[in-house]
Amino acid sequence: NLEKKMGFYIPPAPISTPQRKRVQSPFITEFERFE
């Protein structure tokens, strides 16, 4: 609003966050890990 009143407001560039692909690992019980 301050910059708009003074006449030099420039909208900031949008922040792009890369989408991380979630890889679902198979469920392993403690017994299977020990085995």
PDB file of all heavy atoms in Angstrom:
ATOM      1  N   ASN A   1       0.820  -1.211   0.000  1.00  0.00           N
ATOM      2  CA  ASN A   1       0.000   0.000   0.000  1.00  0.00           C
ATOM      3  C   ASN A   1       0.857   1.265   0.000  1.00  0.00           C
ATOM      4  O   ASN A   1       0.489   2.279  -0.621  1.00  0.00           O
ATOM      5  CB  ASN A   1      -0.939  -0.006   1.205  1.00  0.00           C
ATOM      6  CG  ASN A   1      -1.934  -1.145   1.146  1.00  0.00           C
ATOM      7  OD1 ASN A   1      -2.313  -1.582   0.062  1.00  0.00           O
ATOM      8  ND2 ASN A   1      -2.364  -1.641   2.295  1.00  0.00           N
ATOM      9  N   LEU A   2       1.993   1.229   0.700  1.00  0.00           N
ATOM     10  CA  LEU A   2       2.894   2.390   0.688  1.00  0.00           C
ATOM     11  C   LEU A   2       3.415   2.660  -0.720  1.00  0.00           C
ATOM     12  O   LEU A   2       3.419   3.811  -1.191  1.00  0.00           O
ATOM     13  CB  LEU A   2       4.049   2.159   1.660  1.00  0.00           C
ATOM     14  CG  LEU A   2       3.727   2.172   3.159  1.00  0.00           C
ATOM     15  CD1 LEU A   2       4.944   1.739   3.961  1.00  0.00           C
ATOM     16  CD2 LEU A   2       3.261   3.560   3.606  1.00  0.00           C
ATOM     17  N   GLU A   3       3.859   1.600  -1.395  1.00  0.00           N
ATOM     18  CA  GLU A   3       4.403   1.776  -2.747  1.00  0.00           C
ATOM     19  C   GLU A   3       3.318   2.176  -3.741  1.00  0.00           C
ATOM     20  O   GLU A   3       3.580   2.933  -4.690  1.00  0.00           O
ATOM     21  CB  GLU A   3       5.085   0.487  -3.184  1.00  0.00           C
ATOM     22  CG  GLU A   3       6.360   0.173  -2.410  1.00  0.00           C
ATOM     23  CD  GLU A   3       7.024  -1.109  -2.864  1.00  0.00           C
ATOM     24  OE1 GLU A   3       6.359  -1.898  -3.576  1.00  0.00           O
ATOM     25  OE2 GLU A   3       8.188  -1.327  -2.514  1.00  0.00           O
ATOM     26  N   LYS A   4       2.091   1.689  -3.540  1.00  0.00           N
ATOM     27  CA  LYS A   4       1.008   2.083  -4.441  1.00  0.00           C
ATOM     28  C   LYS A   4       0.706   3.570  -4.318  1.00  0.00           C
ATOM     29  O   LYS A   4       0.433   4.238  -5.324  1.00  0.00           O
ATOM     30  CB  LYS A   4      -0.241   1.259  -4.131  1.00  0.00           C
ATOM     31  CG  LYS A   4      -0.204  -0.162  -4.672  1.00  0.00           C
ATOM     32  CD  LYS A   4      -1.483  -0.904  -4.354  1.00  0.00           C
ATOM     33  CE  LYS A   4      -1.458  -2.305  -4.951  1.00  0.00           C
ATOM     34  NZ  LYS A   4      -2.695  -3.076  -4.639  1.00  0.00           N
ATOM     35  N   LYS A   5       0.746   4.084  -3.100  1.00  0.00           N
ATOM     36  CA  LYS A   5       0.472   5.514  -2.911  1.00  0.00           C
ATOM     37  C   LYS A   5       1.569   6.377  -3.514  1.00  0.00           C
ATOM     38  O   LYS A   5       1.315   7.494  -3.960  1.00  0.00           O
ATOM     39  CB  LYS A   5       0.319   5.821  -1.421  1.00  0.00           C
ATOM     40  CG  LYS A   5      -0.942   5.256  -0.804  1.00  0.00           C
ATOM     41  CD  LYS A   5      -1.243   5.880   0.538  1.00  0.00           C
ATOM     42  CE  LYS A   5      -1.677   7.321   0.390  1.00  0.00           C
ATOM     43  NZ  LYS A   5      -2.105   7.929   1.665  1.00  0.00           N
ATOM     44  N   MET A   6       2.823   5.840  -3.522  1.00  0.00           N
ATOM     45  CA  MET A   6       3.935   6.618  -4.100  1.00  0.00           C
ATOM     46  C   MET A   6       4.091   6.379  -5.596  1.00  0.00           C
ATOM     47  O   MET A   6       4.833   7.081  -6.258  1.00  0.00           O
ATOM     48  CB  MET A   6       5.238   6.287  -3.355  1.00  0.00           C
ATOM     49  CG  MET A   6       5.269   6.839  -1.938  1.00  0.00           C
ATOM     50  SD  MET A   6       6.792   6.504  -1.032  1.00  0.00           S
ATOM     51  CE  MET A   6       6.566   4.777  -0.577  1.00  0.00           C
ATOM     52  N   GLY A   7       3.429   5.341  -6.120  1.00  0.00           N
ATOM     53  CA  GLY A   7       3.374   5.145  -7.561  1.00  0.00           C
ATOM     54  C   GLY A   7       4.452   4.291  -8.164  1.00  0.00           C
ATOM     55  O   GLY A   7       4.631   4.324  -9.391  1.00  0.00           O
ATOM     56  N   PHE A   8       5.197   3.499  -7.385  1.00  0.00           N
ATOM     57  CA  PHE A   8       6.227   2.635  -7.978  1.00  0.00           C
ATOM     58  C   PHE A   8       6.073   1.184  -7.516  1.00  0.00           C
ATOM     59  O   PHE A   8       7.049   0.437  -7.415  1.00  0.00           O
ATOM     60  CB  PHE A   8       7.640   3.135  -7.663  1.00  0.00           C
ATOM     61  CG  PHE A   8       7.957   3.266  -6.193  1.00  0.00           C
ATOM     62  CD1 PHE A   8       8.474   2.196  -5.474  1.00  0.00           C
ATOM     63  CD2 PHE A   8       7.729   4.467  -5.526  1.00  0.00           C
ATOM     64  CE1 PHE A   8       8.773   2.319  -4.128  1.00  0.00           C
ATOM     65  CE2 PHE A   8       8.033   4.595  -4.177  1.00  0.00           C
ATOM     66  CZ  PHE A   8       8.547   3.520  -3.474  1.00  0.00           C
ATOM     67  N   TYR A   9       4.848   0.769  -7.283  1.00  0.00           N
ATOM     68  CA  TYR A   9       4.616  -0.612  -6.831  1.00  0.00           C
ATOM     69  C   TYR A   9       4.754  -1.581  -7.996  1.00  0.00           C
ATOM     70  O   TYR A   9       4.186  -1.377  -9.081  1.00  0.00           O
ATOM     71  CB  TYR A   9       3.230  -0.740  -6.214  1.00  0.00           C
ATOM     72  CG  TYR A   9       2.833  -2.167  -5.907  1.00  0.00           C
ATOM     73  CD1 TYR A   9       3.444  -2.865  -4.860  1.00  0.00           C
ATOM     74  CD2 TYR A   9       1.876  -2.819  -6.667  1.00  0.00           C
ATOM     75  CE1 TYR A   9       3.090  -4.175  -4.585  1.00  0.00           C
ATOM     76  CE2 TYR A   9       1.514  -4.132  -6.385  1.00  0.00           C
ATOM     77  CZ  TYR A   9       2.116  -4.798  -5.350  1.00  0.00           C
ATOM     78  OH  TYR A   9       1.762  -6.099  -5.077  1.00  0.00           O
ATOM     79  N   ILE A  10       5.518  -2.643  -7.770  1.00  0.00           N
ATOM     80  CA  ILE A  10       5.682  -3.728  -8.742  1.00  0.00           C
ATOM     81  C   ILE A  10       5.344  -5.028  -8.030  1.00  0.00           C
ATOM     82  O   ILE A  10       5.960  -5.349  -7.006  1.00  0.00           O
ATOM     83  CB  ILE A  10       7.121  -3.788  -9.296  1.00  0.00           C
ATOM     84  CG1 ILE A  10       7.471  -2.472 -10.005  1.00  0.00           C
ATOM     85  CG2 ILE A  10       7.273  -4.966 -10.245  1.00  0.00           C
ATOM     86  CD1 ILE A  10       8.897  -2.412 -10.508  1.00  0.00           C
ATOM     87  N   PRO A  11       4.363  -5.791  -8.518  1.00  0.00           N
ATOM     88  CA  PRO A  11       4.007  -7.050  -7.834  1.00  0.00           C
ATOM     89  C   PRO A  11       5.196  -7.999  -7.780  1.00  0.00           C
ATOM     90  O   PRO A  11       5.918  -8.152  -8.776  1.00  0.00           O
ATOM     91  CB  PRO A  11       2.867  -7.621  -8.698  1.00  0.00           C
ATOM     92  CG  PRO A  11       2.343  -6.448  -9.459  1.00  0.00           C
ATOM     93  CD  PRO A  11       3.516  -5.544  -9.687  1.00  0.00           C
ATOM     94  N   PRO A  12       5.451  -8.627  -6.651  1.00  0.00           N
ATOM     95  CA  PRO A  12       6.573  -9.568  -6.559  1.00  0.00           C
ATOM     96  C   PRO A  12       6.305 -10.829  -7.359  1.00  0.00           C
ATOM     97  O   PRO A  12       5.141 -11.204  -7.585  1.00  0.00           O
ATOM     98  CB  PRO A  12       6.658  -9.874  -5.051  1.00  0.00           C
ATOM     99  CG  PRO A  12       5.279  -9.623  -4.543  1.00  0.00           C
ATOM    100  CD  PRO A  12       4.727  -8.501  -5.373  1.00  0.00           C
ATOM    101  N   ALA A  13       7.381 -11.441  -7.801  1.00  0.00           N
ATOM    102  CA  ALA A  13       7.251 -12.680  -8.576  1.00  0.00           C
ATOM    103  C   ALA A  13       6.698 -13.778  -7.672  1.00  0.00           C
ATOM    104  O   ALA A  13       7.073 -13.880  -6.498  1.00  0.00           O
ATOM    105  CB  ALA A  13       8.610 -13.091  -9.141  1.00  0.00           C
ATOM    106  N   PRO A  14       5.810 -14.609  -8.197  1.00  0.00           N
ATOM    107  CA  PRO A  14       5.256 -15.688  -7.364  1.00  0.00           C
ATOM    108  C   PRO A  14       6.327 -16.696  -6.967  1.00  0.00           C
ATOM    109  O   PRO A  14       7.238 -16.996  -7.743  1.00  0.00           O
ATOM    110  CB  PRO A  14       4.192 -16.329  -8.267  1.00  0.00           C
ATOM    111  CG  PRO A  14       4.606 -15.971  -9.661  1.00  0.00           C
ATOM    112  CD  PRO A  14       5.270 -14.631  -9.565  1.00  0.00           C
ATOM    113  N   ILE A  15       6.207 -17.191  -5.776  1.00  0.00           N
ATOM    114  CA  ILE A  15       7.159 -18.187  -5.269  1.00  0.00           C
ATOM    115  C   ILE A  15       6.725 -19.561  -5.754  1.00  0.00           C
ATOM    116  O   ILE A  15       5.595 -20.006  -5.479  1.00  0.00           O
ATOM    117  CB  ILE A  15       7.215 -18.159  -3.733  1.00  0.00           C
ATOM    118  CG1 ILE A  15       7.662 -16.770  -3.254  1.00  0.00           C
ATOM    119  CG2 ILE A  15       8.158 -19.236  -3.200  1.00  0.00           C
ATOM    120  CD1 ILE A  15       7.653 -16.624  -1.754  1.00  0.00           C
ATOM    121  N   SER A  16       7.593 -20.186  -6.516  1.00  0.00           N
ATOM    122  CA  SER A  16       7.279 -21.524  -7.040  1.00  0.00           C
ATOM    123  C   SER A  16       8.055 -22.556  -6.238  1.00  0.00           C
ATOM    124  O   SER A  16       9.277 -22.529  -6.167  1.00  0.00           O
ATOM    125  CB  SER A  16       7.654 -21.622  -8.519  1.00  0.00           C
ATOM    126  OG  SER A  16       9.038 -21.361  -8.694  1.00  0.00           O
ATOM    127  N   THR A  17       7.329 -23.438  -5.632  1.00  0.00           N
ATOM    128  CA  THR A  17       7.937 -24.528  -4.864  1.00  0.00           C
ATOM    129  C   THR A  17       7.762 -25.827  -5.633  1.00  0.00           C
ATOM    130  O   THR A  17       6.628 -26.203  -5.978  1.00  0.00           O
ATOM    131  CB  THR A  17       7.282 -24.650  -3.485  1.00  0.00           C
ATOM    132  OG1 THR A  17       5.864 -24.810  -3.649  1.00  0.00           O
ATOM    133  CG2 THR A  17       7.538 -23.403  -2.666  1.00  0.00           C
ATOM    134  N   PRO A  18       8.849 -26.523  -5.951  1.00  0.00           N
ATOM    135  CA  PRO A  18       8.716 -27.779  -6.714  1.00  0.00           C
ATOM    136  C   PRO A  18       7.962 -28.829  -5.910  1.00  0.00           C
ATOM    137  O   PRO A  18       8.162 -28.976  -4.712  1.00  0.00           O
ATOM    138  CB  PRO A  18      10.178 -28.202  -6.953  1.00  0.00           C
ATOM    139  CG  PRO A  18      10.965 -27.508  -5.877  1.00  0.00           C
ATOM    140  CD  PRO A  18      10.244 -26.238  -5.588  1.00  0.00           C
ATOM    141  N   GLN A  19       7.093 -29.528  -6.624  1.00  0.00           N
ATOM    142  CA  GLN A  19       6.323 -30.587  -5.991  1.00  0.00           C
ATOM    143  C   GLN A  19       7.185 -31.839  -5.853  1.00  0.00           C
ATOM    144  O   GLN A  19       7.710 -32.355  -6.838  1.00  0.00           O
ATOM    145  CB  GLN A  19       5.070 -30.912  -6.833  1.00  0.00           C
ATOM    146  CG  GLN A  19       4.085 -29.757  -6.914  1.00  0.00           C
ATOM    147  CD  GLN A  19       3.282 -29.615  -5.642  1.00  0.00           C
ATOM    148  OE1 GLN A  19       3.180 -30.548  -4.861  1.00  0.00           O
ATOM    149  NE2 GLN A  19       2.723 -28.440  -5.434  1.00  0.00           N
ATOM    150  N   ARG A  20       7.307 -32.294  -4.631  1.00  0.00           N
ATOM    151  CA  ARG A  20       8.071 -33.517  -4.387  1.00  0.00           C
ATOM    152  C   ARG A  20       7.157 -34.733  -4.481  1.00  0.00           C
ATOM    153  O   ARG A  20       6.094 -34.759  -3.866  1.00  0.00           O
ATOM    154  CB  ARG A  20       8.711 -33.469  -3.003  1.00  0.00           C
ATOM    155  CG  ARG A  20       9.830 -32.446  -2.885  1.00  0.00           C
ATOM    156  CD  ARG A  20      10.527 -32.581  -1.547  1.00  0.00           C
ATOM    157  NE  ARG A  20      11.638 -31.662  -1.419  1.00  0.00           N
ATOM    158  CZ  ARG A  20      12.444 -31.613  -0.357  1.00  0.00           C
ATOM    159  NH1 ARG A  20      12.220 -32.416   0.663  1.00  0.00           N
ATOM    160  NH2 ARG A  20      13.443 -30.744  -0.317  1.00  0.00           N
ATOM    161  N   LYS A  21       7.593 -35.695  -5.273  1.00  0.00           N
ATOM    162  CA  LYS A  21       6.818 -36.911  -5.416  1.00  0.00           C
ATOM    163  C   LYS A  21       7.075 -37.827  -4.227  1.00  0.00           C
ATOM    164  O   LYS A  21       8.208 -38.202  -3.939  1.00  0.00           O
ATOM    165  CB  LYS A  21       7.205 -37.627  -6.711  1.00  0.00           C
ATOM    166  CG  LYS A  21       6.309 -38.811  -7.028  1.00  0.00           C
ATOM    167  CD  LYS A  21       6.673 -39.427  -8.374  1.00  0.00           C
ATOM    168  CE  LYS A  21       5.762 -40.600  -8.673  1.00  0.00           C
ATOM    169  NZ  LYS A  21       6.104 -41.237  -9.974  1.00  0.00           N
ATOM    170  N   ARG A  22       6.009 -38.121  -3.527  1.00  0.00           N
ATOM    171  CA  ARG A  22       6.131 -38.963  -2.344  1.00  0.00           C
ATOM    172  C   ARG A  22       6.118 -40.426  -2.756  1.00  0.00           C
ATOM    173  O   ARG A  22       5.199 -40.906  -3.433  1.00  0.00           O
ATOM    174  CB  ARG A  22       4.987 -38.682  -1.371  1.00  0.00           C
ATOM    175  CG  ARG A  22       4.977 -37.269  -0.842  1.00  0.00           C
ATOM    176  CD  ARG A  22       3.875 -37.075   0.152  1.00  0.00           C
ATOM    177  NE  ARG A  22       4.057 -37.925   1.316  1.00  0.00           N
ATOM    178  CZ  ARG A  22       3.199 -37.991   2.325  1.00  0.00           C
ATOM    179  NH1 ARG A  22       2.110 -37.244   2.307  1.00  0.00           N
ATOM    180  NH2 ARG A  22       3.423 -38.789   3.349  1.00  0.00           N
ATOM    181  N   VAL A  23       7.146 -41.129  -2.354  1.00  0.00           N
ATOM    182  CA  VAL A  23       7.247 -42.560  -2.626  1.00  0.00           C
ATOM    183  C   VAL A  23       6.891 -43.298  -1.340  1.00  0.00           C
ATOM    184  O   VAL A  23       7.546 -43.140  -0.314  1.00  0.00           O
ATOM    185  CB  VAL A  23       8.675 -42.940  -3.094  1.00  0.00           C
ATOM    186  CG1 VAL A  23       8.753 -44.428  -3.363  1.00  0.00           C
ATOM    187  CG2 VAL A  23       9.051 -42.132  -4.327  1.00  0.00           C
ATOM    188  N   GLN A  24       5.837 -44.111  -1.437  1.00  0.00           N
ATOM    189  CA  GLN A  24       5.371 -44.826  -0.266  1.00  0.00           C
ATOM    190  C   GLN A  24       6.113 -46.157  -0.155  1.00  0.00           C
ATOM    191  O   GLN A  24       6.017 -47.021  -1.019  1.00  0.00           O
ATOM    192  CB  GLN A  24       3.864 -45.069  -0.362  1.00  0.00           C
ATOM    193  CG  GLN A  24       3.261 -45.587   0.922  1.00  0.00           C
ATOM    194  CD  GLN A  24       1.751 -45.601   0.837  1.00  0.00           C
ATOM    195  OE1 GLN A  24       1.204 -45.364  -0.218  1.00  0.00           O
ATOM    196  NE2 GLN A  24       1.107 -45.880   1.945  1.00  0.00           N
ATOM    197  N   SER A  25       6.881 -46.292   0.898  1.00  0.00           N
ATOM    198  CA  SER A  25       7.640 -47.514   1.113  1.00  0.00           C
ATOM    199  C   SER A  25       6.742 -48.569   1.748  1.00  0.00           C
ATOM    200  O   SER A  25       5.829 -48.246   2.505  1.00  0.00           O
ATOM    201  CB  SER A  25       8.837 -47.245   2.029  1.00  0.00           C
ATOM    202  OG  SER A  25       8.400 -46.722   3.256  1.00  0.00           O
ATOM    203  N   PRO A  26       6.970 -49.843   1.427  1.00  0.00           N
ATOM    204  CA  PRO A  26       6.134 -50.898   2.013  1.00  0.00           C
ATOM    205  C   PRO A  26       6.324 -50.976   3.523  1.00  0.00           C
ATOM    206  O   PRO A  26       7.411 -50.720   4.044  1.00  0.00           O
ATOM    207  CB  PRO A  26       6.627 -52.165   1.314  1.00  0.00           C
ATOM    208  CG  PRO A  26       8.014 -51.830   0.846  1.00  0.00           C
ATOM    209  CD  PRO A  26       7.992 -50.366   0.524  1.00  0.00           C
ATOM    210  N   PHE A  27       5.250 -51.339   4.208  1.00  0.00           N
ATOM    211  CA  PHE A  27       5.289 -51.423   5.662  1.00  0.00           C
ATOM    212  C   PHE A  27       6.013 -52.711   6.071  1.00  0.00           C
ATOM    213  O   PHE A  27       5.709 -53.801   5.585  1.00  0.00           O
ATOM    214  CB  PHE A  27       3.861 -51.433   6.216  1.00  0.00           C
ATOM    215  CG  PHE A  27       3.816 -51.436   7.723  1.00  0.00           C
ATOM    216  CD1 PHE A  27       3.957 -50.267   8.436  1.00  0.00           C
ATOM    217  CD2 PHE A  27       3.665 -52.632   8.421  1.00  0.00           C
ATOM    218  CE1 PHE A  27       3.918 -50.275   9.815  1.00  0.00           C
ATOM    219  CE2 PHE A  27       3.632 -52.647   9.789  1.00  0.00           C
ATOM    220  CZ  PHE A  27       3.755 -51.464  10.494  1.00  0.00           C
ATOM    221  N   ILE A  28       7.005 -52.603   6.969  1.00  0.00           N
ATOM    222  CA  ILE A  28       7.778 -53.748   7.454  1.00  0.00           C
ATOM    223  C   ILE A  28       7.705 -53.764   8.970  1.00  0.00           C
ATOM    224  O   ILE A  28       7.991 -52.763   9.626  1.00  0.00           O
ATOM    225  CB  ILE A  28       9.261 -53.671   7.003  1.00  0.00           C
ATOM    226  CG1 ILE A  28       9.342 -53.618   5.472  1.00  0.00           C
ATOM    227  CG2 ILE A  28      10.047 -54.858   7.528  1.00  0.00           C
ATOM    228  CD1 ILE A  28      10.736 -53.463   4.950  1.00  0.00           C
ATOM    229  N   THR A  29       7.293 -54.880   9.523  1.00  0.00           N
ATOM    230  CA  THR A  29       7.202 -54.994  10.965  1.00  0.00           C
ATOM    231  C   THR A  29       8.585 -55.198  11.561  1.00  0.00           C
ATOM    232  O   THR A  29       9.566 -55.502  10.855  1.00  0.00           O
ATOM    233  CB  THR A  29       6.296 -56.174  11.355  1.00  0.00           C
ATOM    234  OG1 THR A  29       6.888 -57.384  10.863  1.00  0.00           O
ATOM    235  CG2 THR A  29       4.908 -56.016  10.751  1.00  0.00           C
ATOM    236  N   GLU A  30       8.667 -55.038  12.881  1.00  0.00           N
ATOM    237  CA  GLU A  30       9.932 -55.253  13.567  1.00  0.00           C
ATOM    238  C   GLU A  30      10.374 -56.712  13.430  1.00  0.00           C
ATOM    239  O   GLU A  30      11.562 -57.009  13.313  1.00  0.00           O
ATOM    240  CB  GLU A  30       9.786 -54.878  15.046  1.00  0.00           C
ATOM    241  CG  GLU A  30       9.628 -53.380  15.286  1.00  0.00           C
ATOM    242  CD  GLU A  30      10.877 -52.613  14.898  1.00  0.00           C
ATOM    243  OE1 GLU A  30      11.985 -53.184  15.004  1.00  0.00           O
ATOM    244  OE2 GLU A  30      10.751 -51.456  14.461  1.00  0.00           O
ATOM    245  N   PHE A  31       9.431 -57.635  13.453  1.00  0.00           N
ATOM    246  CA  PHE A  31       9.784 -59.056  13.320  1.00  0.00           C
ATOM    247  C   PHE A  31      10.359 -59.351  11.941  1.00  0.00           C
ATOM    248  O   PHE A  31      11.359 -60.069  11.813  1.00  0.00           O
ATOM    249  CB  PHE A  31       8.547 -59.925  13.567  1.00  0.00           C
ATOM    250  CG  PHE A  31       8.784 -61.370  13.242  1.00  0.00           C
ATOM    251  CD1 PHE A  31       9.537 -62.170  14.084  1.00  0.00           C
ATOM    252  CD2 PHE A  31       8.277 -61.924  12.083  1.00  0.00           C
ATOM    253  CE1 PHE A  31       9.761 -63.490  13.783  1.00  0.00           C
ATOM    254  CE2 PHE A  31       8.495 -63.257  11.779  1.00  0.00           C
ATOM    255  CZ  PHE A  31       9.238 -64.052  12.628  1.00  0.00           C
ATOM    256  N   GLU A  32       9.747 -58.807  10.886  1.00  0.00           N
ATOM    257  CA  GLU A  32      10.255 -59.036   9.543  1.00  0.00           C
ATOM    258  C   GLU A  32      11.647 -58.437   9.368  1.00  0.00           C
ATOM    259  O   GLU A  32      12.507 -59.028   8.701  1.00  0.00           O
ATOM    260  CB  GLU A  32       9.288 -58.430   8.525  1.00  0.00           C
ATOM    261  CG  GLU A  32       7.949 -59.150   8.469  1.00  0.00           C
ATOM    262  CD  GLU A  32       6.933 -58.398   7.631  1.00  0.00           C
ATOM    263  OE1 GLU A  32       7.138 -57.193   7.388  1.00  0.00           O
ATOM    264  OE2 GLU A  32       5.935 -59.015   7.238  1.00  0.00           O
ATOM    265  N   ARG A  33      11.875 -57.294   9.989  1.00  0.00           N
ATOM    266  CA  ARG A  33      13.201 -56.693   9.916  1.00  0.00           C
ATOM    267  C   ARG A  33      14.236 -57.551  10.650  1.00  0.00           C
ATOM    268  O   ARG A  33      15.353 -57.760  10.174  1.00  0.00           O
ATOM    269  CB  ARG A  33      13.154 -55.283  10.516  1.00  0.00           C
ATOM    270  CG  ARG A  33      14.436 -54.494  10.302  1.00  0.00           C
ATOM    271  CD  ARG A  33      14.342 -53.099  10.860  1.00  0.00           C
ATOM    272  NE  ARG A  33      13.404 -52.281  10.101  1.00  0.00           N
ATOM    273  CZ  ARG A  33      12.220 -51.899  10.534  1.00  0.00           C
ATOM    274  NH1 ARG A  33      11.817 -52.251  11.756  1.00  0.00           N
ATOM    275  NH2 ARG A  33      11.425 -51.155   9.801  1.00  0.00           N
ATOM    276  N   PHE A  34      13.868 -58.070  11.839  1.00  0.00           N
ATOM    277  CA  PHE A  34      14.775 -58.934  12.586  1.00  0.00           C
ATOM    278  C   PHE A  34      15.019 -60.242  11.845  1.00  0.00           C
ATOM    279  O   PHE A  34      16.142 -60.754  11.809  1.00  0.00           O
ATOM    280  CB  PHE A  34      14.195 -59.225  13.972  1.00  0.00           C
ATOM    281  CG  PHE A  34      15.032 -60.171  14.790  1.00  0.00           C
ATOM    282  CD1 PHE A  34      16.117 -59.715  15.520  1.00  0.00           C
ATOM    283  CD2 PHE A  34      14.751 -61.527  14.806  1.00  0.00           C
ATOM    284  CE1 PHE A  34      16.889 -60.581  16.255  1.00  0.00           C
ATOM    285  CE2 PHE A  34      15.520 -62.400  15.540  1.00  0.00           C
ATOM    286  CZ  PHE A  34      16.590 -61.927  16.267  1.00  0.00           C
ATOM    287  N   GLU A  35      13.958 -60.791  11.260  1.00  0.00           N
ATOM    288  CA  GLU A  35      14.084 -62.061  10.540  1.00  0.00           C
ATOM    289  C   GLU A  35      15.069 -61.942   9.390  1.00  0.00           C
ATOM    290  O   GLU A  35      15.920 -62.816   9.178  1.00  0.00           O
ATOM    291  CB  GLU A  35      12.699 -62.470  10.032  1.00  0.00           C
ATOM    292  CG  GLU A  35      12.686 -63.837   9.341  1.00  0.00           C
ATOM    293  CD  GLU A  35      11.306 -64.153   8.810  1.00  0.00           C
ATOM    294  OE1 GLU A  35      10.609 -63.213   8.364  1.00  0.00           O
ATOM    295  OE2 GLU A  35      10.915 -65.320   8.831  1.00  0.00           O
TER     296      GLU A  35
END
